[in-house]
Amino acid sequence: MDTQTKDWRYSEDRLELRGKCLQVLLNKYGDAQINEVGYSTQDIYECADLWVTQGNKTTTGIVAFFKGYFIKDENQTSN
């Protein structure tokens, strides 16, 4: 039995939404300048996946979600 065909997170519409989420986030945060302050492509992909698996149906709100959970504090220093 193929588990991906039974798991709602991997349905055709969810995969399409992941793609749209990635497009939104990569357009906004996927450049070299942003990466210098700590955003990573991995963060973008994880955010898109988390957004979809939480049951969101559209990309509305994903930028605010990314800012709240994935953007590192630019004033934070490492020890």
N, C-alpha and C. Protein backbone atom coordinates (compact mmCIF):
# COMPACT_ATOMS: atom_id res chain seq x y z
N MET A 1 0.84 -1.18 0.00
CA MET A 1 0.00 0.00 0.00
C MET A 1 0.89 1.25 0.00
N ASP A 2 0.62 2.17 -0.89
CA ASP A 2 1.36 3.42 -0.99
C ASP A 2 0.81 4.40 0.04
N THR A 3 1.61 4.71 1.08
CA THR A 3 1.13 5.57 2.16
C THR A 3 0.91 7.00 1.71
N GLN A 4 1.64 7.45 0.70
CA GLN A 4 1.48 8.83 0.25
C GLN A 4 0.12 9.07 -0.39
N THR A 5 -0.46 8.08 -1.02
CA THR A 5 -1.77 8.29 -1.65
C THR A 5 -2.87 8.34 -0.61
N LYS A 6 -2.65 7.79 0.58
CA LYS A 6 -3.66 7.79 1.64
C LYS A 6 -3.47 8.95 2.61
N ASP A 7 -2.31 9.54 2.66
CA ASP A 7 -2.00 10.61 3.61
C ASP A 7 -2.42 11.95 3.01
N TRP A 8 -3.35 12.65 3.66
CA TRP A 8 -3.88 13.91 3.13
C TRP A 8 -2.79 14.94 2.90
N ARG A 9 -1.69 14.87 3.65
CA ARG A 9 -0.60 15.85 3.50
C ARG A 9 0.08 15.76 2.15
N TYR A 10 -0.09 14.63 1.47
CA TYR A 10 0.57 14.42 0.18
C TYR A 10 -0.42 14.29 -0.96
N SER A 11 -1.62 14.76 -0.75
CA SER A 11 -2.60 14.76 -1.83
C SER A 11 -2.17 15.77 -2.89
N GLU A 12 -2.77 15.67 -4.03
CA GLU A 12 -2.39 16.55 -5.15
C GLU A 12 -2.54 18.03 -4.79
N ASP A 13 -3.62 18.39 -4.12
CA ASP A 13 -3.83 19.80 -3.76
C ASP A 13 -2.83 20.27 -2.71
N ARG A 14 -2.44 19.39 -1.79
CA ARG A 14 -1.45 19.75 -0.77
C ARG A 14 -0.06 19.94 -1.40
N LEU A 15 0.28 19.09 -2.35
CA LEU A 15 1.56 19.23 -3.05
C LEU A 15 1.58 20.53 -3.85
N GLU A 16 0.46 20.85 -4.46
CA GLU A 16 0.35 22.11 -5.20
C GLU A 16 0.50 23.30 -4.26
N LEU A 17 -0.13 23.23 -3.09
CA LEU A 17 -0.02 24.31 -2.10
C LEU A 17 1.43 24.46 -1.62
N ARG A 18 2.12 23.34 -1.39
CA ARG A 18 3.54 23.42 -1.00
C ARG A 18 4.34 24.20 -2.04
N GLY A 19 4.08 23.91 -3.30
CA GLY A 19 4.77 24.62 -4.38
C GLY A 19 4.49 26.11 -4.36
N LYS A 20 3.24 26.48 -4.13
CA LYS A 20 2.87 27.89 -4.04
C LYS A 20 3.53 28.56 -2.84
N CYS A 21 3.57 27.84 -1.72
CA CYS A 21 4.22 28.37 -0.52
C CYS A 21 5.70 28.62 -0.78
N LEU A 22 6.34 27.65 -1.40
CA LEU A 22 7.76 27.81 -1.73
C LEU A 22 7.98 29.00 -2.64
N GLN A 23 7.11 29.18 -3.62
CA GLN A 23 7.22 30.30 -4.54
C GLN A 23 7.13 31.64 -3.80
N VAL A 24 6.17 31.76 -2.91
CA VAL A 24 5.99 32.99 -2.14
C VAL A 24 7.22 33.27 -1.29
N LEU A 25 7.66 32.26 -0.54
CA LEU A 25 8.77 32.46 0.39
C LEU A 25 10.11 32.65 -0.33
N LEU A 26 10.34 31.91 -1.38
CA LEU A 26 11.60 32.08 -2.12
C LEU A 26 11.66 33.44 -2.80
N ASN A 27 10.53 33.91 -3.30
CA ASN A 27 10.50 35.25 -3.90
C ASN A 27 10.80 36.33 -2.87
N LYS A 28 10.33 36.12 -1.65
CA LYS A 28 10.51 37.13 -0.61
C LYS A 28 11.85 37.01 0.12
N TYR A 29 12.29 35.79 0.40
CA TYR A 29 13.46 35.58 1.26
C TYR A 29 14.60 34.80 0.62
N GLY A 30 14.50 34.44 -0.61
CA GLY A 30 15.47 33.54 -1.21
C GLY A 30 16.63 34.19 -1.92
N ASP A 31 17.09 35.34 -1.47
CA ASP A 31 18.26 35.94 -2.13
C ASP A 31 19.47 35.96 -1.21
N ALA A 32 20.61 36.22 -1.77
CA ALA A 32 21.89 36.16 -1.02
C ALA A 32 21.93 37.16 0.13
N GLN A 33 21.39 38.35 -0.07
CA GLN A 33 21.42 39.37 0.98
C GLN A 33 20.69 38.88 2.22
N ILE A 34 19.54 38.28 2.03
CA ILE A 34 18.76 37.76 3.15
C ILE A 34 19.54 36.67 3.87
N ASN A 35 20.17 35.79 3.11
CA ASN A 35 20.90 34.68 3.72
C ASN A 35 22.02 35.16 4.63
N GLU A 36 22.56 36.34 4.38
CA GLU A 36 23.62 36.87 5.22
C GLU A 36 23.15 37.13 6.65
N VAL A 37 21.85 37.37 6.84
CA VAL A 37 21.34 37.61 8.18
C VAL A 37 20.73 36.36 8.82
N GLY A 38 20.90 35.22 8.19
CA GLY A 38 20.54 33.99 8.85
C GLY A 38 19.38 33.20 8.29
N TYR A 39 18.70 33.66 7.26
CA TYR A 39 17.62 32.88 6.68
C TYR A 39 18.25 31.82 5.80
N SER A 40 17.68 30.65 5.78
CA SER A 40 18.24 29.60 4.94
C SER A 40 17.17 29.00 4.05
N THR A 41 17.61 28.39 2.98
CA THR A 41 16.68 27.69 2.11
C THR A 41 16.00 26.57 2.87
N GLN A 42 16.72 25.95 3.78
CA GLN A 42 16.13 24.89 4.61
C GLN A 42 14.97 25.45 5.44
N ASP A 43 15.15 26.64 6.01
CA ASP A 43 14.06 27.27 6.77
C ASP A 43 12.84 27.48 5.89
N ILE A 44 13.06 27.91 4.67
CA ILE A 44 11.96 28.16 3.74
C ILE A 44 11.22 26.88 3.43
N TYR A 45 11.94 25.81 3.13
CA TYR A 45 11.30 24.53 2.83
C TYR A 45 10.58 23.96 4.05
N GLU A 46 11.20 24.07 5.23
CA GLU A 46 10.56 23.58 6.45
C GLU A 46 9.29 24.37 6.76
N CYS A 47 9.33 25.67 6.53
CA CYS A 47 8.16 26.50 6.77
C CYS A 47 7.02 26.09 5.85
N ALA A 48 7.31 25.90 4.58
CA ALA A 48 6.27 25.50 3.62
C ALA A 48 5.66 24.16 4.03
N ASP A 49 6.50 23.21 4.43
CA ASP A 49 6.00 21.91 4.83
C ASP A 49 5.15 22.01 6.10
N LEU A 50 5.63 22.75 7.08
CA LEU A 50 4.89 22.92 8.32
C LEU A 50 3.56 23.60 8.08
N TRP A 51 3.57 24.61 7.23
CA TRP A 51 2.35 25.35 6.89
C TRP A 51 1.29 24.40 6.33
N VAL A 52 1.70 23.55 5.42
CA VAL A 52 0.77 22.61 4.78
C VAL A 52 0.31 21.55 5.77
N THR A 53 1.23 20.99 6.54
CA THR A 53 0.86 19.91 7.45
C THR A 53 0.00 20.40 8.62
N GLN A 54 -0.01 21.70 8.87
CA GLN A 54 -0.91 22.25 9.89
C GLN A 54 -2.33 22.41 9.37
N GLY A 55 -2.53 22.13 8.09
CA GLY A 55 -3.88 22.15 7.53
C GLY A 55 -4.28 23.43 6.85
N ASN A 56 -3.35 24.36 6.66
CA ASN A 56 -3.69 25.60 5.96
C ASN A 56 -4.07 25.28 4.52
N LYS A 57 -5.01 26.04 3.99
CA LYS A 57 -5.54 25.77 2.65
C LYS A 57 -5.04 26.72 1.58
N THR A 58 -4.46 27.87 1.99
CA THR A 58 -3.94 28.85 1.05
C THR A 58 -2.60 29.37 1.56
N THR A 59 -1.96 30.22 0.77
CA THR A 59 -0.70 30.83 1.19
C THR A 59 -0.92 32.08 2.04
N THR A 60 -2.17 32.49 2.19
CA THR A 60 -2.46 33.68 2.96
C THR A 60 -1.97 33.53 4.40
N GLY A 61 -1.05 34.41 4.80
CA GLY A 61 -0.52 34.39 6.14
C GLY A 61 0.83 33.70 6.29
N ILE A 62 1.33 33.09 5.21
CA ILE A 62 2.57 32.33 5.35
C ILE A 62 3.78 33.23 5.60
N VAL A 63 3.78 34.44 5.06
CA VAL A 63 4.91 35.35 5.30
C VAL A 63 4.96 35.74 6.78
N ALA A 64 3.82 36.05 7.36
CA ALA A 64 3.78 36.38 8.78
C ALA A 64 4.18 35.17 9.62
N PHE A 65 3.76 33.99 9.21
CA PHE A 65 4.14 32.76 9.90
C PHE A 65 5.65 32.57 9.84
N PHE A 66 6.23 32.78 8.66
CA PHE A 66 7.69 32.65 8.51
C PHE A 66 8.41 33.65 9.40
N LYS A 67 7.93 34.88 9.41
CA LYS A 67 8.56 35.92 10.24
C LYS A 67 8.49 35.54 11.72
N GLY A 68 7.38 35.00 12.14
CA GLY A 68 7.19 34.67 13.55
C GLY A 68 7.97 33.45 14.02
N TYR A 69 8.19 32.49 13.15
CA TYR A 69 8.78 31.23 13.59
C TYR A 69 10.15 30.92 13.00
N PHE A 70 10.51 31.54 11.89
CA PHE A 70 11.74 31.13 11.23
C PHE A 70 12.80 32.21 11.10
N ILE A 71 12.41 33.47 11.20
CA ILE A 71 13.40 34.53 11.04
C ILE A 71 14.16 34.71 12.34
N LYS A 72 15.46 34.67 12.24
CA LYS A 72 16.31 34.84 13.40
C LYS A 72 16.40 36.30 13.77
N ASP A 73 16.53 36.57 15.04
CA ASP A 73 16.67 37.93 15.54
C ASP A 73 18.00 38.49 15.04
N GLU A 74 17.95 39.54 14.23
CA GLU A 74 19.15 40.12 13.66
C GLU A 74 20.07 40.72 14.72
N ASN A 75 19.56 41.02 15.90
CA ASN A 75 20.37 41.59 16.98
C ASN A 75 20.98 40.50 17.86
N GLN A 76 20.61 39.26 17.62
CA GLN A 76 21.10 38.15 18.43
C GLN A 76 22.56 37.86 18.08
N THR A 77 23.38 37.64 19.09
CA THR A 77 24.78 37.32 18.85
C THR A 77 25.04 35.91 19.32
N SER A 78 25.97 35.24 18.67
CA SER A 78 26.31 33.89 19.10
C SER A 78 27.45 33.93 20.08
N ASN A 79 27.46 33.01 21.02
CA ASN A 79 28.51 32.96 22.04
C ASN A 79 29.62 32.05 21.62
